[in-house]
């Protein structure tokens, strides 16, 4: 028995890993019987050097989700509240609830271009222990200016931590909020901002589950009290080291995503929202119908109904051939 002819269907592929990372994964196979203490230490030191930080400020974790859990574990007492964007990454709220916290939200509205500004967040803030920002935001692709992050940090309570999720940060032209933690380039150093980063997106290592938080130095030692032993495995750490060292691969990945964003914006017969991520949000009317019709033609896009955006799909940036194929199929679906 054989499936029908699928030769004309495009296959979804996430951004690929660095060849150096692939080589490191193979080389690390012989080390998997040993706990990853040295690999963990080496990767933390490399990340710290990359950002000009003290190693203790790097909270290595099992993916970005794990870093969110560590921050929640370090900060939340039962009943403490967090403030999350809506639409937004569901795990912010999930992690808070797992740690017996309560969740409130602030709205990002299409009519305002899904802008993430200080006024919007501060109008909603009411003594939360953690306020989450996402820059670039998923699924809209908007970013938060450092000036707005600073204003949010200054305008929230003294015991509020502003967590800036920069999982897609490599694809954006905006500066990292790590500058606010360290007080660089004219910014005052802050003890109430933390930044989340990951190897899942631009580095193409999503399957290895490797992420980290950057925290202010005065309370960095809390990591030893909240993390699980050996928070990331040996193979992931060795691959992360290799990927971090392969700057050319990341540059090519970002260049490819920028080209695809521009192509989607100019060639799709639908309204697109400006994005700084490796995806584009598109208004299509009936997201479920369009996503299902595109999938029948072999192109997978994200139905954003689950984000509370039933009129929108999110289209990932692929290779040139994949992106051109996706646009052709989507334009056919939209006409039909």
C-alpha atoms as a PDB file:
ATOM      1  CA  UNK A   1       0.000   0.000   0.000  1.00  0.00           C
ATOM      2  CA  UNK A   2       1.311   3.459  -0.936  1.00  0.00           C
ATOM      3  CA  UNK A   3       0.100   6.999  -0.206  1.00  0.00           C
ATOM      4  CA  UNK A   4      -1.135   9.160  -3.037  1.00  0.00           C
ATOM      5  CA  UNK A   5       1.365  11.162  -5.089  1.00  0.00           C
ATOM      6  CA  UNK A   6       2.746  13.833  -2.759  1.00  0.00           C
ATOM      7  CA  UNK A   7       5.697  14.905  -4.881  1.00  0.00           C
ATOM      8  CA  UNK A   8       4.244  18.387  -5.454  1.00  0.00           C
ATOM      9  CA  UNK A   9       3.757  19.044  -1.743  1.00  0.00           C
ATOM     10  CA  UNK A  10       6.157  21.250   0.170  1.00  0.00           C
ATOM     11  CA  UNK A  11       7.558  19.774   3.363  1.00  0.00           C
ATOM     12  CA  UNK A  12       7.760  21.986   6.440  1.00  0.00           C
ATOM     13  CA  UNK A  13      11.298  22.187   7.809  1.00  0.00           C
ATOM     14  CA  UNK A  14      12.395  24.270  10.742  1.00  0.00           C
ATOM     15  CA  UNK A  15      15.592  26.270  10.456  1.00  0.00           C
ATOM     16  CA  UNK A  16      18.433  23.791  10.276  1.00  0.00           C
ATOM     17  CA  UNK A  17      21.291  23.512  12.751  1.00  0.00           C
ATOM     18  CA  UNK A  18      24.857  24.528  12.113  1.00  0.00           C
ATOM     19  CA  UNK A  19      27.006  21.798  10.514  1.00  0.00           C
ATOM     20  CA  UNK A  20      29.388  22.347  13.427  1.00  0.00           C
ATOM     21  CA  UNK A  21      26.566  21.610  15.838  1.00  0.00           C
ATOM     22  CA  UNK A  22      25.726  18.405  13.997  1.00  0.00           C
ATOM     23  CA  UNK A  23      29.366  17.343  14.197  1.00  0.00           C
ATOM     24  CA  UNK A  24      29.447  18.179  17.928  1.00  0.00           C
ATOM     25  CA  UNK A  25      26.321  16.081  18.527  1.00  0.00           C
ATOM     26  CA  UNK A  26      28.037  13.062  17.025  1.00  0.00           C
ATOM     27  CA  UNK A  27      31.244  13.658  18.957  1.00  0.00           C
ATOM     28  CA  UNK A  28      29.333  14.019  22.239  1.00  0.00           C
ATOM     29  CA  UNK A  29      27.687  10.615  21.873  1.00  0.00           C
ATOM     30  CA  UNK A  30      30.581   8.926  23.663  1.00  0.00           C
ATOM     31  CA  UNK A  31      30.100  11.233  26.684  1.00  0.00           C
ATOM     32  CA  UNK A  32      26.458  10.496  27.431  1.00  0.00           C
ATOM     33  CA  UNK A  33      27.304   8.144  30.317  1.00  0.00           C
ATOM     34  CA  UNK A  34      28.805  11.092  32.235  1.00  0.00           C
ATOM     35  CA  UNK A  35      26.836  13.825  33.985  1.00  0.00           C
ATOM     36  CA  UNK A  36      27.195  17.087  32.032  1.00  0.00           C
ATOM     37  CA  UNK A  37      29.005  19.190  34.616  1.00  0.00           C
ATOM     38  CA  UNK A  38      31.943  20.226  32.437  1.00  0.00           C
ATOM     39  CA  UNK A  39      29.811  20.698  29.309  1.00  0.00           C
ATOM     40  CA  UNK A  40      27.358  22.837  31.295  1.00  0.00           C
ATOM     41  CA  UNK A  41      30.188  24.939  32.723  1.00  0.00           C
ATOM     42  CA  UNK A  42      31.793  25.420  29.306  1.00  0.00           C
ATOM     43  CA  UNK A  43      28.553  26.557  27.676  1.00  0.00           C
ATOM     44  CA  UNK A  44      27.675  28.945  30.496  1.00  0.00           C
ATOM     45  CA  UNK A  45      31.146  30.484  30.234  1.00  0.00           C
ATOM     46  CA  UNK A  46      30.754  30.890  26.463  1.00  0.00           C
ATOM     47  CA  UNK A  47      27.327  32.544  26.777  1.00  0.00           C
ATOM     48  CA  UNK A  48      28.656  34.837  29.505  1.00  0.00           C
ATOM     49  CA  UNK A  49      31.566  35.860  27.305  1.00  0.00           C
ATOM     50  CA  UNK A  50      29.201  36.455  24.369  1.00  0.00           C
ATOM     51  CA  UNK A  51      27.167  38.945  26.400  1.00  0.00           C
ATOM     52  CA  UNK A  52      30.029  40.249  28.607  1.00  0.00           C
ATOM     53  CA  UNK A  53      28.412  38.949  31.783  1.00  0.00           C
ATOM     54  CA  UNK A  54      29.424  37.078  34.897  1.00  0.00           C
ATOM     55  CA  UNK A  55      28.789  33.337  34.434  1.00  0.00           C
ATOM     56  CA  UNK A  56      26.479  33.321  37.466  1.00  0.00           C
ATOM     57  CA  UNK A  57      24.092  35.580  35.543  1.00  0.00           C
ATOM     58  CA  UNK A  58      23.455  32.840  32.951  1.00  0.00           C
ATOM     59  CA  UNK A  59      20.718  30.449  34.087  1.00  0.00           C
ATOM     60  CA  UNK A  60      21.028  27.555  31.656  1.00  0.00           C
ATOM     61  CA  UNK A  61      17.859  25.489  31.278  1.00  0.00           C
ATOM     62  CA  UNK A  62      16.055  22.735  29.433  1.00  0.00           C
ATOM     63  CA  UNK A  63      14.719  25.058  26.741  1.00  0.00           C
ATOM     64  CA  UNK A  64      13.232  28.507  27.184  1.00  0.00           C
ATOM     65  CA  UNK A  65      10.341  26.877  29.029  1.00  0.00           C
ATOM     66  CA  UNK A  66      12.765  25.618  31.642  1.00  0.00           C
ATOM     67  CA  UNK A  67      14.222  29.106  32.082  1.00  0.00           C
ATOM     68  CA  UNK A  68      10.707  30.481  32.633  1.00  0.00           C
ATOM     69  CA  UNK A  69      10.146  27.818  35.278  1.00  0.00           C
ATOM     70  CA  UNK A  70      13.357  28.755  37.099  1.00  0.00           C
ATOM     71  CA  UNK A  71      12.365  32.422  37.176  1.00  0.00           C
ATOM     72  CA  UNK A  72       8.895  31.558  38.458  1.00  0.00           C
ATOM     73  CA  UNK A  73      10.368  29.228  41.077  1.00  0.00           C
ATOM     74  CA  UNK A  74      12.764  31.920  42.252  1.00  0.00           C
ATOM     75  CA  UNK A  75      10.168  34.688  42.478  1.00  0.00           C
ATOM     76  CA  UNK A  76       6.626  33.448  43.030  1.00  0.00           C
ATOM     77  CA  UNK A  77       5.036  32.723  46.365  1.00  0.00           C
ATOM     78  CA  UNK A  78       1.584  31.095  46.282  1.00  0.00           C
ATOM     79  CA  UNK A  79      -0.977  33.658  45.171  1.00  0.00           C
ATOM     80  CA  UNK A  80       1.526  36.042  43.562  1.00  0.00           C
ATOM     81  CA  UNK A  81       0.318  37.413  40.262  1.00  0.00           C
ATOM     82  CA  UNK A  82       1.947  37.707  36.858  1.00  0.00           C
ATOM     83  CA  UNK A  83       0.982  39.876  33.891  1.00  0.00           C
ATOM     84  CA  UNK A  84       1.106  38.338  30.409  1.00  0.00           C
ATOM     85  CA  UNK A  85       0.404  39.609  26.875  1.00  0.00           C
ATOM     86  CA  UNK A  86      -2.760  38.519  25.100  1.00  0.00           C
ATOM     87  CA  UNK A  87      -2.311  37.133  22.501  1.00  0.00           C
ATOM     88  CA  UNK A  88       0.936  35.583  23.603  1.00  0.00           C
ATOM     89  CA  UNK A  89       2.963  32.536  24.548  1.00  0.00           C
ATOM     90  CA  UNK A  90       0.718  30.308  26.652  1.00  0.00           C
ATOM     91  CA  UNK A  91       3.554  28.955  28.777  1.00  0.00           C
ATOM     92  CA  UNK A  92       4.010  32.252  30.638  1.00  0.00           C
ATOM     93  CA  UNK A  93       0.691  31.682  32.372  1.00  0.00           C
ATOM     94  CA  UNK A  94       1.097  27.929  32.567  1.00  0.00           C
ATOM     95  CA  UNK A  95       4.428  28.204  34.368  1.00  0.00           C
ATOM     96  CA  UNK A  96       3.000  30.718  36.827  1.00  0.00           C
ATOM     97  CA  UNK A  97       0.062  28.445  37.636  1.00  0.00           C
ATOM     98  CA  UNK A  98       2.368  25.452  38.065  1.00  0.00           C
ATOM     99  CA  UNK A  99       4.078  27.510  40.764  1.00  0.00           C
ATOM    100  CA  UNK A 100       0.755  28.438  42.409  1.00  0.00           C
ATOM    101  CA  UNK A 101       0.663  31.928  40.931  1.00  0.00           C
ATOM    102  CA  UNK A 102      -2.267  33.830  39.437  1.00  0.00           C
ATOM    103  CA  UNK A 103      -2.410  35.245  35.908  1.00  0.00           C
ATOM    104  CA  UNK A 104      -3.654  38.570  34.557  1.00  0.00           C
ATOM    105  CA  UNK A 105      -3.241  39.880  31.011  1.00  0.00           C
ATOM    106  CA  UNK A 106      -2.826  43.028  28.938  1.00  0.00           C
ATOM    107  CA  UNK A 107      -4.225  43.165  25.404  1.00  0.00           C
ATOM    108  CA  UNK A 108      -2.334  43.720  22.188  1.00  0.00           C
ATOM    109  CA  UNK A 109      -4.853  44.976  19.634  1.00  0.00           C
ATOM    110  CA  UNK A 110      -4.803  44.632  15.870  1.00  0.00           C
ATOM    111  CA  UNK A 111      -6.184  48.138  15.418  1.00  0.00           C
ATOM    112  CA  UNK A 112      -3.071  49.456  17.181  1.00  0.00           C
ATOM    113  CA  UNK A 113      -0.733  47.330  15.106  1.00  0.00           C
ATOM    114  CA  UNK A 114      -0.259  45.000  18.082  1.00  0.00           C
ATOM    115  CA  UNK A 115       1.991  47.693  19.535  1.00  0.00           C
ATOM    116  CA  UNK A 116       3.764  46.814  22.769  1.00  0.00           C
ATOM    117  CA  UNK A 117       4.208  50.135  24.511  1.00  0.00           C
ATOM    118  CA  UNK A 118       4.739  51.206  28.101  1.00  0.00           C
ATOM    119  CA  UNK A 119       1.337  52.866  28.465  1.00  0.00           C
ATOM    120  CA  UNK A 120      -0.518  49.702  27.517  1.00  0.00           C
ATOM    121  CA  UNK A 121       1.394  47.555  29.997  1.00  0.00           C
ATOM    122  CA  UNK A 122       1.412  50.074  32.840  1.00  0.00           C
ATOM    123  CA  UNK A 123      -2.329  50.699  32.497  1.00  0.00           C
ATOM    124  CA  UNK A 124      -2.879  46.992  33.157  1.00  0.00           C
ATOM    125  CA  UNK A 125      -0.189  46.501  35.816  1.00  0.00           C
ATOM    126  CA  UNK A 126      -1.323  46.235  39.412  1.00  0.00           C
ATOM    127  CA  UNK A 127       1.414  44.981  41.683  1.00  0.00           C
ATOM    128  CA  UNK A 128       2.298  41.792  39.778  1.00  0.00           C
ATOM    129  CA  UNK A 129       5.475  39.952  40.745  1.00  0.00           C
ATOM    130  CA  UNK A 130       6.427  39.290  37.109  1.00  0.00           C
ATOM    131  CA  UNK A 131       5.507  41.220  33.954  1.00  0.00           C
ATOM    132  CA  UNK A 132       6.203  39.383  30.681  1.00  0.00           C
ATOM    133  CA  UNK A 133       7.165  41.139  27.458  1.00  0.00           C
ATOM    134  CA  UNK A 134       7.962  39.358  24.184  1.00  0.00           C
ATOM    135  CA  UNK A 135      10.352  40.951  21.687  1.00  0.00           C
ATOM    136  CA  UNK A 136       9.872  39.910  18.922  1.00  0.00           C
ATOM    137  CA  UNK A 137       6.362  38.907  19.871  1.00  0.00           C
ATOM    138  CA  UNK A 138       4.839  35.614  18.791  1.00  0.00           C
ATOM    139  CA  UNK A 139       2.666  35.547  16.694  1.00  0.00           C
ATOM    140  CA  UNK A 140       2.570  39.227  15.708  1.00  0.00           C
ATOM    141  CA  UNK A 141       6.285  39.937  15.217  1.00  0.00           C
ATOM    142  CA  UNK A 142       6.288  43.311  17.012  1.00  0.00           C
ATOM    143  CA  UNK A 143       9.155  44.393  19.260  1.00  0.00           C
ATOM    144  CA  UNK A 144       9.496  46.448  22.443  1.00  0.00           C
ATOM    145  CA  UNK A 145      11.841  49.440  22.477  1.00  0.00           C
ATOM    146  CA  UNK A 146      14.408  49.572  25.271  1.00  0.00           C
ATOM    147  CA  UNK A 147      12.984  52.931  26.323  1.00  0.00           C
ATOM    148  CA  UNK A 148       9.573  51.326  26.835  1.00  0.00           C
ATOM    149  CA  UNK A 149      11.094  48.415  28.761  1.00  0.00           C
ATOM    150  CA  UNK A 150      12.869  50.888  31.015  1.00  0.00           C
ATOM    151  CA  UNK A 151       9.656  52.865  31.540  1.00  0.00           C
ATOM    152  CA  UNK A 152       7.764  49.679  32.400  1.00  0.00           C
ATOM    153  CA  UNK A 153      10.449  48.667  34.891  1.00  0.00           C
ATOM    154  CA  UNK A 154      10.404  52.124  36.469  1.00  0.00           C
ATOM    155  CA  UNK A 155       6.605  52.308  36.507  1.00  0.00           C
ATOM    156  CA  UNK A 156       5.918  48.924  38.124  1.00  0.00           C
ATOM    157  CA  UNK A 157       6.348  48.015  41.769  1.00  0.00           C
ATOM    158  CA  UNK A 158       9.759  47.750  43.389  1.00  0.00           C
ATOM    159  CA  UNK A 159       9.355  43.962  43.720  1.00  0.00           C
ATOM    160  CA  UNK A 160       8.222  43.435  40.103  1.00  0.00           C
ATOM    161  CA  UNK A 161      10.530  41.669  37.659  1.00  0.00           C
ATOM    162  CA  UNK A 162      10.160  42.527  33.967  1.00  0.00           C
ATOM    163  CA  UNK A 163      10.982  39.423  31.931  1.00  0.00           C
ATOM    164  CA  UNK A 164      11.777  40.138  28.273  1.00  0.00           C
ATOM    165  CA  UNK A 165      11.420  37.013  26.133  1.00  0.00           C
ATOM    166  CA  UNK A 166      13.877  37.366  23.241  1.00  0.00           C
ATOM    167  CA  UNK A 167      13.514  33.845  21.840  1.00  0.00           C
ATOM    168  CA  UNK A 168      13.405  35.341  18.323  1.00  0.00           C
ATOM    169  CA  UNK A 169      15.883  38.107  19.154  1.00  0.00           C
ATOM    170  CA  UNK A 170      18.481  37.168  16.546  1.00  0.00           C
ATOM    171  CA  UNK A 171      15.996  38.003  13.773  1.00  0.00           C
ATOM    172  CA  UNK A 172      15.313  41.540  15.042  1.00  0.00           C
ATOM    173  CA  UNK A 173      17.251  44.744  14.527  1.00  0.00           C
ATOM    174  CA  UNK A 174      16.381  46.062  17.990  1.00  0.00           C
ATOM    175  CA  UNK A 175      18.979  45.971  20.762  1.00  0.00           C
ATOM    176  CA  UNK A 176      18.742  43.283  23.417  1.00  0.00           C
ATOM    177  CA  UNK A 177      17.339  44.238  26.800  1.00  0.00           C
ATOM    178  CA  UNK A 178      20.501  42.724  28.275  1.00  0.00           C
ATOM    179  CA  UNK A 179      21.872  46.262  27.902  1.00  0.00           C
ATOM    180  CA  UNK A 180      19.456  47.356  30.614  1.00  0.00           C
ATOM    181  CA  UNK A 181      20.697  44.659  32.987  1.00  0.00           C
ATOM    182  CA  UNK A 182      24.319  45.632  32.514  1.00  0.00           C
ATOM    183  CA  UNK A 183      23.796  49.389  32.121  1.00  0.00           C
ATOM    184  CA  UNK A 184      25.527  49.683  28.749  1.00  0.00           C
ATOM    185  CA  UNK A 185      25.384  52.301  26.005  1.00  0.00           C
ATOM    186  CA  UNK A 186      24.074  55.021  28.302  1.00  0.00           C
ATOM    187  CA  UNK A 187      21.354  52.943  29.973  1.00  0.00           C
ATOM    188  CA  UNK A 188      21.152  52.752  33.765  1.00  0.00           C
ATOM    189  CA  UNK A 189      21.834  49.269  35.148  1.00  0.00           C
ATOM    190  CA  UNK A 190      18.674  47.620  36.459  1.00  0.00           C
ATOM    191  CA  UNK A 191      18.068  44.866  38.989  1.00  0.00           C
ATOM    192  CA  UNK A 192      14.430  44.362  37.934  1.00  0.00           C
ATOM    193  CA  UNK A 193      14.865  43.121  34.347  1.00  0.00           C
ATOM    194  CA  UNK A 194      15.676  39.596  33.143  1.00  0.00           C
ATOM    195  CA  UNK A 195      16.018  38.352  29.559  1.00  0.00           C
ATOM    196  CA  UNK A 196      15.121  34.977  28.067  1.00  0.00           C
ATOM    197  CA  UNK A 197      17.092  33.534  25.128  1.00  0.00           C
ATOM    198  CA  UNK A 198      17.036  30.176  23.342  1.00  0.00           C
ATOM    199  CA  UNK A 199      18.960  27.960  20.935  1.00  0.00           C
ATOM    200  CA  UNK A 200      15.680  26.719  19.414  1.00  0.00           C
ATOM    201  CA  UNK A 201      15.098  29.380  16.756  1.00  0.00           C
ATOM    202  CA  UNK A 202      18.030  30.967  14.922  1.00  0.00           C
ATOM    203  CA  UNK A 203      20.411  28.220  16.041  1.00  0.00           C
ATOM    204  CA  UNK A 204      18.081  25.442  14.880  1.00  0.00           C
ATOM    205  CA  UNK A 205      18.446  23.256  17.995  1.00  0.00           C
ATOM    206  CA  UNK A 206      14.805  23.067  19.092  1.00  0.00           C
ATOM    207  CA  UNK A 207      14.917  19.290  19.492  1.00  0.00           C
ATOM    208  CA  UNK A 208      17.742  19.490  22.028  1.00  0.00           C
ATOM    209  CA  UNK A 209      15.787  21.808  24.373  1.00  0.00           C
ATOM    210  CA  UNK A 210      18.382  24.404  25.287  1.00  0.00           C
ATOM    211  CA  UNK A 211      17.673  27.906  26.558  1.00  0.00           C
ATOM    212  CA  UNK A 212      18.780  30.347  29.215  1.00  0.00           C
ATOM    213  CA  UNK A 213      17.837  33.399  31.235  1.00  0.00           C
ATOM    214  CA  UNK A 214      20.090  36.386  31.841  1.00  0.00           C
ATOM    215  CA  UNK A 215      19.509  37.846  35.310  1.00  0.00           C
ATOM    216  CA  UNK A 216      20.898  40.781  37.311  1.00  0.00           C
ATOM    217  CA  UNK A 217      24.102  40.029  39.160  1.00  0.00           C
ATOM    218  CA  UNK A 218      22.857  40.867  42.708  1.00  0.00           C
ATOM    219  CA  UNK A 219      20.491  37.879  42.786  1.00  0.00           C
ATOM    220  CA  UNK A 220      22.167  35.576  40.265  1.00  0.00           C
ATOM    221  CA  UNK A 221      23.150  33.046  42.956  1.00  0.00           C
ATOM    222  CA  UNK A 222      19.465  32.101  43.389  1.00  0.00           C
ATOM    223  CA  UNK A 223      19.987  29.715  40.457  1.00  0.00           C
ATOM    224  CA  UNK A 224      21.783  27.235  42.695  1.00  0.00           C
ATOM    225  CA  UNK A 225      18.705  27.085  44.902  1.00  0.00           C
ATOM    226  CA  UNK A 226      16.029  26.652  42.224  1.00  0.00           C
ATOM    227  CA  UNK A 227      17.528  24.679  39.338  1.00  0.00           C
ATOM    228  CA  UNK A 228      17.408  20.960  38.814  1.00  0.00           C
ATOM    229  CA  UNK A 229      20.767  19.152  38.881  1.00  0.00           C
ATOM    230  CA  UNK A 230      22.411  19.233  35.454  1.00  0.00           C
ATOM    231  CA  UNK A 231      19.751  21.423  33.841  1.00  0.00           C
ATOM    232  CA  UNK A 232      20.868  20.683  30.276  1.00  0.00           C
ATOM    233  CA  UNK A 233      22.256  17.462  28.850  1.00  0.00           C
ATOM    234  CA  UNK A 234      25.779  16.901  27.526  1.00  0.00           C
ATOM    235  CA  UNK A 235      24.763  16.587  23.877  1.00  0.00           C
ATOM    236  CA  UNK A 236      22.735  19.804  24.005  1.00  0.00           C
ATOM    237  CA  UNK A 237      25.543  21.709  25.714  1.00  0.00           C
ATOM    238  CA  UNK A 238      28.178  20.565  23.234  1.00  0.00           C
ATOM    239  CA  UNK A 239      25.904  21.386  20.298  1.00  0.00           C
ATOM    240  CA  UNK A 240      25.154  24.786  21.825  1.00  0.00           C
ATOM    241  CA  UNK A 241      28.864  25.537  22.139  1.00  0.00           C
ATOM    242  CA  UNK A 242      29.458  24.663  18.504  1.00  0.00           C
ATOM    243  CA  UNK A 243      26.416  26.607  17.294  1.00  0.00           C
ATOM    244  CA  UNK A 244      27.414  29.661  19.305  1.00  0.00           C
ATOM    245  CA  UNK A 245      30.802  29.601  17.609  1.00  0.00           C
ATOM    246  CA  UNK A 246      29.348  29.341  14.090  1.00  0.00           C
ATOM    247  CA  UNK A 247      28.421  32.973  13.529  1.00  0.00           C
ATOM    248  CA  UNK A 248      28.289  32.639   9.749  1.00  0.00           C
ATOM    249  CA  UNK A 249      25.541  30.023   9.973  1.00  0.00           C
ATOM    250  CA  UNK A 250      23.388  32.261  12.179  1.00  0.00           C
ATOM    251  CA  UNK A 251      23.974  35.204   9.855  1.00  0.00           C
ATOM    252  CA  UNK A 252      22.836  33.137   6.857  1.00  0.00           C
ATOM    253  CA  UNK A 253      19.777  31.952   8.779  1.00  0.00           C
ATOM    254  CA  UNK A 254      18.809  35.515   9.647  1.00  0.00           C
ATOM    255  CA  UNK A 255      19.428  36.748   6.106  1.00  0.00           C
ATOM    256  CA  UNK A 256      17.180  33.993   4.755  1.00  0.00           C
ATOM    257  CA  UNK A 257      14.412  34.891   7.204  1.00  0.00           C
ATOM    258  CA  UNK A 258      14.622  38.605   6.361  1.00  0.00           C
ATOM    259  CA  UNK A 259      14.332  37.829   2.654  1.00  0.00           C
ATOM    260  CA  UNK A 260      11.335  35.555   3.287  1.00  0.00           C
ATOM    261  CA  UNK A 261       9.593  38.176   5.454  1.00  0.00           C
ATOM    262  CA  UNK A 262       9.948  40.753   2.702  1.00  0.00           C
ATOM    263  CA  UNK A 263       8.755  38.310   0.049  1.00  0.00           C
ATOM    264  CA  UNK A 264       5.709  37.307   2.069  1.00  0.00           C
ATOM    265  CA  UNK A 265       4.879  40.950   2.696  1.00  0.00           C
ATOM    266  CA  UNK A 266       5.160  41.957  -0.967  1.00  0.00           C
ATOM    267  CA  UNK A 267       3.722  38.888  -2.703  1.00  0.00           C
ATOM    268  CA  UNK A 268       0.872  37.594  -0.540  1.00  0.00           C
ATOM    269  CA  UNK A 269      -2.566  38.745  -1.669  1.00  0.00           C
ATOM    270  CA  UNK A 270      -3.589  39.537   1.893  1.00  0.00           C
ATOM    271  CA  UNK A 271      -2.771  42.048   4.597  1.00  0.00           C
ATOM    272  CA  UNK A 272       0.457  41.222   6.427  1.00  0.00           C
ATOM    273  CA  UNK A 273       1.727  42.648   9.703  1.00  0.00           C
ATOM    274  CA  UNK A 274       5.304  43.887   9.891  1.00  0.00           C
ATOM    275  CA  UNK A 275       7.419  41.290  11.661  1.00  0.00           C
ATOM    276  CA  UNK A 276      10.838  41.147  13.280  1.00  0.00           C
ATOM    277  CA  UNK A 277      10.679  37.373  13.774  1.00  0.00           C
ATOM    278  CA  UNK A 278      11.119  34.419  11.438  1.00  0.00           C
ATOM    279  CA  UNK A 279       7.415  34.415  10.589  1.00  0.00           C
ATOM    280  CA  UNK A 280       4.712  36.776   9.334  1.00  0.00           C
ATOM    281  CA  UNK A 281       1.165  37.228  10.641  1.00  0.00           C
ATOM    282  CA  UNK A 282      -1.394  37.407   7.838  1.00  0.00           C
ATOM    283  CA  UNK A 283      -5.062  38.468   7.861  1.00  0.00           C
ATOM    284  CA  UNK A 284      -7.015  35.882   5.843  1.00  0.00           C
ATOM    285  CA  UNK A 285     -10.599  36.124   7.144  1.00  0.00           C
ATOM    286  CA  UNK A 286     -11.179  32.519   8.198  1.00  0.00           C
ATOM    287  CA  UNK A 287      -7.872  31.202   9.551  1.00  0.00           C
ATOM    288  CA  UNK A 288      -9.060  27.635  10.077  1.00  0.00           C
ATOM    289  CA  UNK A 289     -10.453  27.287   6.571  1.00  0.00           C
ATOM    290  CA  UNK A 290      -7.347  28.767   4.949  1.00  0.00           C
ATOM    291  CA  UNK A 291      -4.934  26.695   7.043  1.00  0.00           C
ATOM    292  CA  UNK A 292      -6.817  23.490   6.263  1.00  0.00           C
ATOM    293  CA  UNK A 293      -7.024  24.269   2.547  1.00  0.00           C
ATOM    294  CA  UNK A 294      -3.303  25.075   2.420  1.00  0.00           C
ATOM    295  CA  UNK A 295      -2.452  21.873   4.252  1.00  0.00           C
ATOM    296  CA  UNK A 296      -4.430  19.832   1.725  1.00  0.00           C
ATOM    297  CA  UNK A 297      -2.112  21.351  -0.873  1.00  0.00           C
ATOM    298  CA  UNK A 298       0.955  20.452   1.190  1.00  0.00           C
ATOM    299  CA  UNK A 299       1.729  23.802   2.837  1.00  0.00           C
ATOM    300  CA  UNK A 300       1.528  24.006   6.634  1.00  0.00           C
ATOM    301  CA  UNK A 301       0.772  27.344   8.278  1.00  0.00           C
ATOM    302  CA  UNK A 302      -0.320  28.137  11.827  1.00  0.00           C
ATOM    303  CA  UNK A 303      -4.001  28.776  12.431  1.00  0.00           C
ATOM    304  CA  UNK A 304      -3.881  31.553  15.045  1.00  0.00           C
ATOM    305  CA  UNK A 305      -7.361  30.905  16.421  1.00  0.00           C
ATOM    306  CA  UNK A 306      -5.685  29.447  19.511  1.00  0.00           C
ATOM    307  CA  UNK A 307      -4.050  32.858  20.048  1.00  0.00           C
ATOM    308  CA  UNK A 308      -7.455  34.536  19.939  1.00  0.00           C
ATOM    309  CA  UNK A 309      -6.870  35.662  16.342  1.00  0.00           C
ATOM    310  CA  UNK A 310      -9.363  33.641  14.264  1.00  0.00           C
ATOM    311  CA  UNK A 311      -8.819  35.883  11.232  1.00  0.00           C
ATOM    312  CA  UNK A 312      -5.064  35.290  11.082  1.00  0.00           C
ATOM    313  CA  UNK A 313      -2.514  32.696  10.111  1.00  0.00           C
ATOM    314  CA  UNK A 314       1.202  32.733  10.914  1.00  0.00           C
ATOM    315  CA  UNK A 315       3.510  31.813   8.044  1.00  0.00           C
ATOM    316  CA  UNK A 316       7.021  30.658   8.921  1.00  0.00           C
ATOM    317  CA  UNK A 317       9.998  31.831   6.880  1.00  0.00           C
ATOM    318  CA  UNK A 318      11.463  28.948   4.895  1.00  0.00           C
ATOM    319  CA  UNK A 319      13.971  28.640   2.100  1.00  0.00           C
ATOM    320  CA  UNK A 320      13.353  30.630  -1.078  1.00  0.00           C
ATOM    321  CA  UNK A 321      11.737  27.654  -2.805  1.00  0.00           C
ATOM    322  CA  UNK A 322       9.568  26.862   0.234  1.00  0.00           C
ATOM    323  CA  UNK A 323       8.519  30.478   0.678  1.00  0.00           C
ATOM    324  CA  UNK A 324       7.670  30.929  -2.995  1.00  0.00           C
ATOM    325  CA  UNK A 325       5.662  27.700  -2.918  1.00  0.00           C
ATOM    326  CA  UNK A 326       3.822  28.808   0.240  1.00  0.00           C
ATOM    327  CA  UNK A 327       2.896  32.151  -1.321  1.00  0.00           C
ATOM    328  CA  UNK A 328       1.659  30.524  -4.526  1.00  0.00           C
ATOM    329  CA  UNK A 329      -0.527  28.057  -2.612  1.00  0.00           C
ATOM    330  CA  UNK A 330      -1.894  30.639  -0.193  1.00  0.00           C
ATOM    331  CA  UNK A 331      -2.785  33.023  -3.010  1.00  0.00           C
ATOM    332  CA  UNK A 332      -4.648  30.192  -4.756  1.00  0.00           C
ATOM    333  CA  UNK A 333      -6.520  29.386  -1.537  1.00  0.00           C
ATOM    334  CA  UNK A 334      -7.406  33.023  -0.916  1.00  0.00           C
ATOM    335  CA  UNK A 335      -8.850  33.408  -4.411  1.00  0.00           C
ATOM    336  CA  UNK A 336     -10.827  30.203  -4.069  1.00  0.00           C
END
